[in-house]
């Protein structure tokens, strides 16, 4: 199973590294990533495999949301099934 992770905020050094580190800590594998910087704003999307998570998915989401708060970023994580259903209309 996969999840879609998005990050938006002011560009600073280490955003990708800190998000990837949190994923690795809980055994979520980054399958794909795209990022861009628009006028000093950072935007990133990741597709992460969550088959081997070592914590509950909701706890993983909470940790990433809290990471975003610590770094003044908006981080959202959505299970792939929910993401696909939202875009199936």
Foldseek 3Di string as FASTA:
>chain_A
DKKKKKKKDFDDPDPVVVVVVLCVVQVKAWPDKDWDADPRMIIMMTIIHCPRGPDDPVVSQVVVCVVCVVVVMHMGMGHPVVVCVVVVD
